[in-house]
Amino acid sequence: NIISEIKQDLWEVKDIYVDSQNIYVGTLNEHLSIFNHNYELVRKLKHRLGVISLEVDDNYIYTGSYNGKVLIWNKVNYDFVNSLDNHLTRVNEIVVHDENIYTGDGFSTEGGRIRKWDKAKFNLISEFNLPPCKRVNCMVIDSSYLYVGHGGPGEIRIIDLNTEFLIKKIET
């Protein structure tokens, strides 16, 4: 049974995040649409070339796009705060863990890369030195490891968070 539908100006939904206040919807129509839990549009944040990845924490909204940038927005007043640049191509995945932001590149002839950023200063800490892959499709973090789903060929890589070394690779 469908309880309700959100149809307002959404084209090609790429990512969704839900918290206690809002529903965040990233689409290719070059906006992050923010709805309340009554499914009413609260705000739209502009992101050139669409929002294909997003993450939300207590203070910020992070949007990644085909333009190779992660834009950071204040979660309370929706003001633009900063940009994480230098991605090779699109930003397929964003994960916030402890004091860091992890980003994963989309398809690139140079290989999809993972970057670690300082959450307080928004500066690049490191770029993981891993065997090349075409793209980072998804990432999940626990207390010790970063689990990364790659495409082309499909595989899961398990990376130690402290050393940033590849611990195991599972081919799918």
C-alpha atoms as a PDB file:
ATOM      1  CA  ASN A   1       0.000   0.000   0.000  1.00  0.00           C
ATOM      2  CA  ILE A   2       1.281   3.440  -0.925  1.00  0.00           C
ATOM      3  CA  ILE A   3       0.966   5.891   1.960  1.00  0.00           C
ATOM      4  CA  SER A   4       1.955   8.970  -0.015  1.00  0.00           C
ATOM      5  CA  GLU A   5       3.959   9.998  -3.047  1.00  0.00           C
ATOM      6  CA  ILE A   6       6.481  12.751  -3.546  1.00  0.00           C
ATOM      7  CA  LYS A   7       6.238  13.917  -7.151  1.00  0.00           C
ATOM      8  CA  GLN A   8       7.276  17.557  -7.013  1.00  0.00           C
ATOM      9  CA  ASP A   9       9.794  18.277  -9.755  1.00  0.00           C
ATOM     10  CA  LEU A  10      11.763  15.062  -9.233  1.00  0.00           C
ATOM     11  CA  TRP A  11      13.610  13.649 -12.194  1.00  0.00           C
ATOM     12  CA  GLU A  12      15.883  10.598 -11.977  1.00  0.00           C
ATOM     13  CA  VAL A  13      16.180  10.134  -8.214  1.00  0.00           C
ATOM     14  CA  LYS A  14      19.786   9.116  -7.449  1.00  0.00           C
ATOM     15  CA  ASP A  15      19.980   9.191  -3.626  1.00  0.00           C
ATOM     16  CA  ILE A  16      17.737   9.623  -0.581  1.00  0.00           C
ATOM     17  CA  TYR A  17      18.501  10.379   3.049  1.00  0.00           C
ATOM     18  CA  VAL A  18      15.929  10.515   5.850  1.00  0.00           C
ATOM     19  CA  ASP A  19      16.376  11.900   9.363  1.00  0.00           C
ATOM     20  CA  SER A  20      13.983  12.937  12.117  1.00  0.00           C
ATOM     21  CA  GLN A  21      13.289  16.329  10.503  1.00  0.00           C
ATOM     22  CA  ASN A  22      13.453  15.886   6.749  1.00  0.00           C
ATOM     23  CA  ILE A  23      13.580  13.733   3.649  1.00  0.00           C
ATOM     24  CA  TYR A  24      16.471  14.697   1.358  1.00  0.00           C
ATOM     25  CA  VAL A  25      16.147  13.702  -2.311  1.00  0.00           C
ATOM     26  CA  GLY A  26      19.050  14.006  -4.747  1.00  0.00           C
ATOM     27  CA  THR A  27      18.078  14.066  -8.411  1.00  0.00           C
ATOM     28  CA  LEU A  28      19.508  14.860 -11.817  1.00  0.00           C
ATOM     29  CA  ASN A  29      17.378  18.016 -12.115  1.00  0.00           C
ATOM     30  CA  GLU A  30      20.293  19.922 -10.543  1.00  0.00           C
ATOM     31  CA  HIS A  31      18.725  20.216  -7.095  1.00  0.00           C
ATOM     32  CA  LEU A  32      18.662  18.617  -3.731  1.00  0.00           C
ATOM     33  CA  SER A  33      14.992  18.703  -2.740  1.00  0.00           C
ATOM     34  CA  ILE A  34      14.245  18.759   0.984  1.00  0.00           C
ATOM     35  CA  PHE A  35      10.810  17.690   2.204  1.00  0.00           C
ATOM     36  CA  ASN A  36       9.331  17.601   5.690  1.00  0.00           C
ATOM     37  CA  HIS A  37       7.625  14.436   6.922  1.00  0.00           C
ATOM     38  CA  ASN A  38       4.281  15.752   5.650  1.00  0.00           C
ATOM     39  CA  TYR A  39       5.880  15.464   2.173  1.00  0.00           C
ATOM     40  CA  GLU A  40       5.836  19.229   1.681  1.00  0.00           C
ATOM     41  CA  LEU A  41       8.771  20.847  -0.107  1.00  0.00           C
ATOM     42  CA  VAL A  42      10.864  22.813   2.414  1.00  0.00           C
ATOM     43  CA  ARG A  43      13.804  23.905   0.271  1.00  0.00           C
ATOM     44  CA  LYS A  44      15.756  23.257  -2.926  1.00  0.00           C
ATOM     45  CA  LEU A  45      19.538  23.515  -3.018  1.00  0.00           C
ATOM     46  CA  LYS A  46      21.119  24.040  -6.433  1.00  0.00           C
ATOM     47  CA  HIS A  47      23.915  21.706  -7.515  1.00  0.00           C
ATOM     48  CA  ARG A  48      25.166  21.955 -11.089  1.00  0.00           C
ATOM     49  CA  LEU A  49      24.883  18.689 -13.074  1.00  0.00           C
ATOM     50  CA  GLY A  50      22.570  17.065 -10.537  1.00  0.00           C
ATOM     51  CA  VAL A  51      22.892  15.426  -7.143  1.00  0.00           C
ATOM     52  CA  ILE A  52      23.932  11.776  -7.446  1.00  0.00           C
ATOM     53  CA  SER A  53      25.151  11.234  -3.881  1.00  0.00           C
ATOM     54  CA  LEU A  54      24.306  12.782  -0.554  1.00  0.00           C
ATOM     55  CA  GLU A  55      24.982  12.455   3.143  1.00  0.00           C
ATOM     56  CA  VAL A  56      23.637  14.335   6.145  1.00  0.00           C
ATOM     57  CA  ASP A  57      25.059  14.652   9.663  1.00  0.00           C
ATOM     58  CA  ASP A  58      24.144  16.797  12.670  1.00  0.00           C
ATOM     59  CA  ASN A  59      25.524  20.003  11.123  1.00  0.00           C
ATOM     60  CA  TYR A  60      25.839  19.624   7.383  1.00  0.00           C
ATOM     61  CA  ILE A  61      24.297  18.359   4.169  1.00  0.00           C
ATOM     62  CA  TYR A  62      26.809  17.001   1.623  1.00  0.00           C
ATOM     63  CA  THR A  63      25.886  16.715  -2.063  1.00  0.00           C
ATOM     64  CA  GLY A  64      28.013  15.079  -4.765  1.00  0.00           C
ATOM     65  CA  SER A  65      27.559  15.529  -8.483  1.00  0.00           C
ATOM     66  CA  TYR A  66      28.707  14.727 -12.004  1.00  0.00           C
ATOM     67  CA  ASN A  67      30.760  17.931 -11.860  1.00  0.00           C
ATOM     68  CA  GLY A  68      33.278  16.279  -9.506  1.00  0.00           C
ATOM     69  CA  LYS A  69      32.438  18.416  -6.491  1.00  0.00           C
ATOM     70  CA  VAL A  70      30.954  17.819  -3.071  1.00  0.00           C
ATOM     71  CA  LEU A  71      29.034  20.881  -1.916  1.00  0.00           C
ATOM     72  CA  ILE A  72      28.553  21.345   1.816  1.00  0.00           C
ATOM     73  CA  TRP A  73      25.478  23.115   3.175  1.00  0.00           C
ATOM     74  CA  ASN A  74      24.539  24.290   6.658  1.00  0.00           C
ATOM     75  CA  LYS A  75      21.771  21.966   7.843  1.00  0.00           C
ATOM     76  CA  VAL A  76      19.935  24.672   9.813  1.00  0.00           C
ATOM     77  CA  ASN A  77      19.804  27.642   7.424  1.00  0.00           C
ATOM     78  CA  TYR A  78      20.777  25.838   4.150  1.00  0.00           C
ATOM     79  CA  ASP A  79      23.597  28.300   3.410  1.00  0.00           C
ATOM     80  CA  PHE A  80      26.481  27.093   1.261  1.00  0.00           C
ATOM     81  CA  VAL A  81      29.527  26.382   3.480  1.00  0.00           C
ATOM     82  CA  ASN A  82      32.301  24.898   1.348  1.00  0.00           C
ATOM     83  CA  SER A  83      33.222  22.654  -1.573  1.00  0.00           C
ATOM     84  CA  LEU A  84      35.382  19.533  -1.730  1.00  0.00           C
ATOM     85  CA  ASP A  85      37.033  19.600  -5.139  1.00  0.00           C
ATOM     86  CA  ASN A  86      39.703  17.644  -7.037  1.00  0.00           C
ATOM     87  CA  HIS A  87      37.630  14.552  -7.781  1.00  0.00           C
ATOM     88  CA  LEU A  88      38.455  13.004 -11.148  1.00  0.00           C
ATOM     89  CA  THR A  89      34.870  12.837 -12.312  1.00  0.00           C
ATOM     90  CA  ARG A  90      31.509  12.466 -10.658  1.00  0.00           C
ATOM     91  CA  VAL A  91      31.246  11.844  -6.932  1.00  0.00           C
ATOM     92  CA  ASN A  92      29.322   8.576  -6.592  1.00  0.00           C
ATOM     93  CA  GLU A  93      29.466   8.223  -2.823  1.00  0.00           C
ATOM     94  CA  ILE A  94      29.873  10.301   0.346  1.00  0.00           C
ATOM     95  CA  VAL A  95      30.190   8.855   3.849  1.00  0.00           C
ATOM     96  CA  VAL A  96      30.766  10.802   7.061  1.00  0.00           C
ATOM     97  CA  HIS A  97      32.426   8.941   9.915  1.00  0.00           C
ATOM     98  CA  ASP A  98      33.743  10.453  13.145  1.00  0.00           C
ATOM     99  CA  GLU A  99      35.778  13.511  12.150  1.00  0.00           C
ATOM    100  CA  ASN A 100      36.204  12.583   8.498  1.00  0.00           C
ATOM    101  CA  ILE A 101      34.391  12.705   5.181  1.00  0.00           C
ATOM    102  CA  TYR A 102      35.062   9.913   2.673  1.00  0.00           C
ATOM    103  CA  THR A 103      34.285  10.416  -1.007  1.00  0.00           C
ATOM    104  CA  GLY A 104      34.337   7.934  -3.879  1.00  0.00           C
ATOM    105  CA  ASP A 105      34.806   8.807  -7.545  1.00  0.00           C
ATOM    106  CA  GLY A 106      32.527   7.629 -10.284  1.00  0.00           C
ATOM    107  CA  PHE A 107      33.640   6.273 -13.640  1.00  0.00           C
ATOM    108  CA  SER A 108      37.039   7.434 -14.806  1.00  0.00           C
ATOM    109  CA  THR A 109      39.673   6.184 -17.208  1.00  0.00           C
ATOM    110  CA  GLU A 110      42.162   6.960 -14.421  1.00  0.00           C
ATOM    111  CA  GLY A 111      40.220   4.807 -11.959  1.00  0.00           C
ATOM    112  CA  GLY A 112      37.713   5.542  -9.233  1.00  0.00           C
ATOM    113  CA  ARG A 113      39.485   6.825  -6.152  1.00  0.00           C
ATOM    114  CA  ILE A 114      38.644   7.238  -2.484  1.00  0.00           C
ATOM    115  CA  ARG A 115      39.537  10.423  -0.637  1.00  0.00           C
ATOM    116  CA  LYS A 116      39.520  11.222   3.068  1.00  0.00           C
ATOM    117  CA  TRP A 117      38.747  14.807   4.135  1.00  0.00           C
ATOM    118  CA  ASP A 118      38.943  16.582   7.488  1.00  0.00           C
ATOM    119  CA  LYS A 119      35.380  17.408   8.556  1.00  0.00           C
ATOM    120  CA  ALA A 120      36.358  20.455  10.634  1.00  0.00           C
ATOM    121  CA  LYS A 121      38.591  22.179   8.062  1.00  0.00           C
ATOM    122  CA  PHE A 122      37.235  20.598   4.847  1.00  0.00           C
ATOM    123  CA  ASN A 123      40.753  19.916   3.593  1.00  0.00           C
ATOM    124  CA  LEU A 124      42.024  16.765   1.906  1.00  0.00           C
ATOM    125  CA  ILE A 125      43.841  14.436   4.309  1.00  0.00           C
ATOM    126  CA  SER A 126      44.666  11.568   1.977  1.00  0.00           C
ATOM    127  CA  GLU A 127      43.863   9.748  -1.212  1.00  0.00           C
ATOM    128  CA  PHE A 128      43.841   5.991  -0.707  1.00  0.00           C
ATOM    129  CA  ASN A 129      46.586   4.198  -2.603  1.00  0.00           C
ATOM    130  CA  LEU A 130      44.591   1.247  -3.930  1.00  0.00           C
ATOM    131  CA  PRO A 131      44.656  -0.828  -7.090  1.00  0.00           C
ATOM    132  CA  PRO A 132      42.718   0.971  -9.839  1.00  0.00           C
ATOM    133  CA  CYS A 133      39.024   0.332 -10.417  1.00  0.00           C
ATOM    134  CA  LYS A 134      36.561   1.978 -12.791  1.00  0.00           C
ATOM    135  CA  ARG A 135      34.254   3.406 -10.135  1.00  0.00           C
ATOM    136  CA  VAL A 136      33.287   3.479  -6.486  1.00  0.00           C
ATOM    137  CA  ASN A 137      29.597   2.577  -6.303  1.00  0.00           C
ATOM    138  CA  CYS A 138      28.945   2.476  -2.556  1.00  0.00           C
ATOM    139  CA  MET A 139      30.727   2.671   0.814  1.00  0.00           C
ATOM    140  CA  VAL A 140      29.880   1.644   4.378  1.00  0.00           C
ATOM    141  CA  ILE A 141      32.016   2.210   7.478  1.00  0.00           C
ATOM    142  CA  ASP A 142      32.114   0.444  10.815  1.00  0.00           C
ATOM    143  CA  SER A 143      34.505   1.124  13.685  1.00  0.00           C
ATOM    144  CA  SER A 144      37.523  -0.432  11.933  1.00  0.00           C
ATOM    145  CA  TYR A 145      36.892  -0.880   8.226  1.00  0.00           C
ATOM    146  CA  LEU A 146      35.678   0.825   5.101  1.00  0.00           C
ATOM    147  CA  TYR A 147      33.698  -1.518   2.858  1.00  0.00           C
ATOM    148  CA  VAL A 148      33.667  -0.363  -0.759  1.00  0.00           C
ATOM    149  CA  GLY A 149      31.579  -1.709  -3.619  1.00  0.00           C
ATOM    150  CA  HIS A 150      33.302  -1.249  -6.973  1.00  0.00           C
ATOM    151  CA  GLY A 151      32.149  -1.642 -10.526  1.00  0.00           C
ATOM    152  CA  GLY A 152      34.079  -2.818 -13.567  1.00  0.00           C
ATOM    153  CA  PRO A 153      34.749  -5.553 -12.557  1.00  0.00           C
ATOM    154  CA  GLY A 154      32.382  -5.924  -9.635  1.00  0.00           C
ATOM    155  CA  GLU A 155      34.114  -6.403  -6.306  1.00  0.00           C
ATOM    156  CA  ILE A 156      33.999  -5.491  -2.644  1.00  0.00           C
ATOM    157  CA  ARG A 157      37.128  -4.083  -1.077  1.00  0.00           C
ATOM    158  CA  ILE A 158      37.672  -4.032   2.672  1.00  0.00           C
ATOM    159  CA  ILE A 159      40.051  -1.289   3.784  1.00  0.00           C
ATOM    160  CA  ASP A 160      41.557  -0.780   7.240  1.00  0.00           C
ATOM    161  CA  LEU A 161      40.580   2.726   8.400  1.00  0.00           C
ATOM    162  CA  ASN A 162      43.787   3.313  10.378  1.00  0.00           C
ATOM    163  CA  THR A 163      46.329   2.217   7.786  1.00  0.00           C
ATOM    164  CA  GLU A 164      44.192   2.857   4.658  1.00  0.00           C
ATOM    165  CA  PHE A 165      45.484  -0.482   3.326  1.00  0.00           C
ATOM    166  CA  LEU A 166      43.437  -2.978   1.399  1.00  0.00           C
ATOM    167  CA  ILE A 167      42.773  -5.936   3.749  1.00  0.00           C
ATOM    168  CA  LYS A 168      40.652  -8.117   1.483  1.00  0.00           C
ATOM    169  CA  LYS A 169      39.123  -8.079  -1.975  1.00  0.00           C
ATOM    170  CA  ILE A 170      36.001 -10.110  -2.758  1.00  0.00           C
ATOM    171  CA  GLU A 171      35.237 -10.544  -6.437  1.00  0.00           C
ATOM    172  CA  THR A 172      31.544 -10.750  -7.272  1.00  0.00           C
END
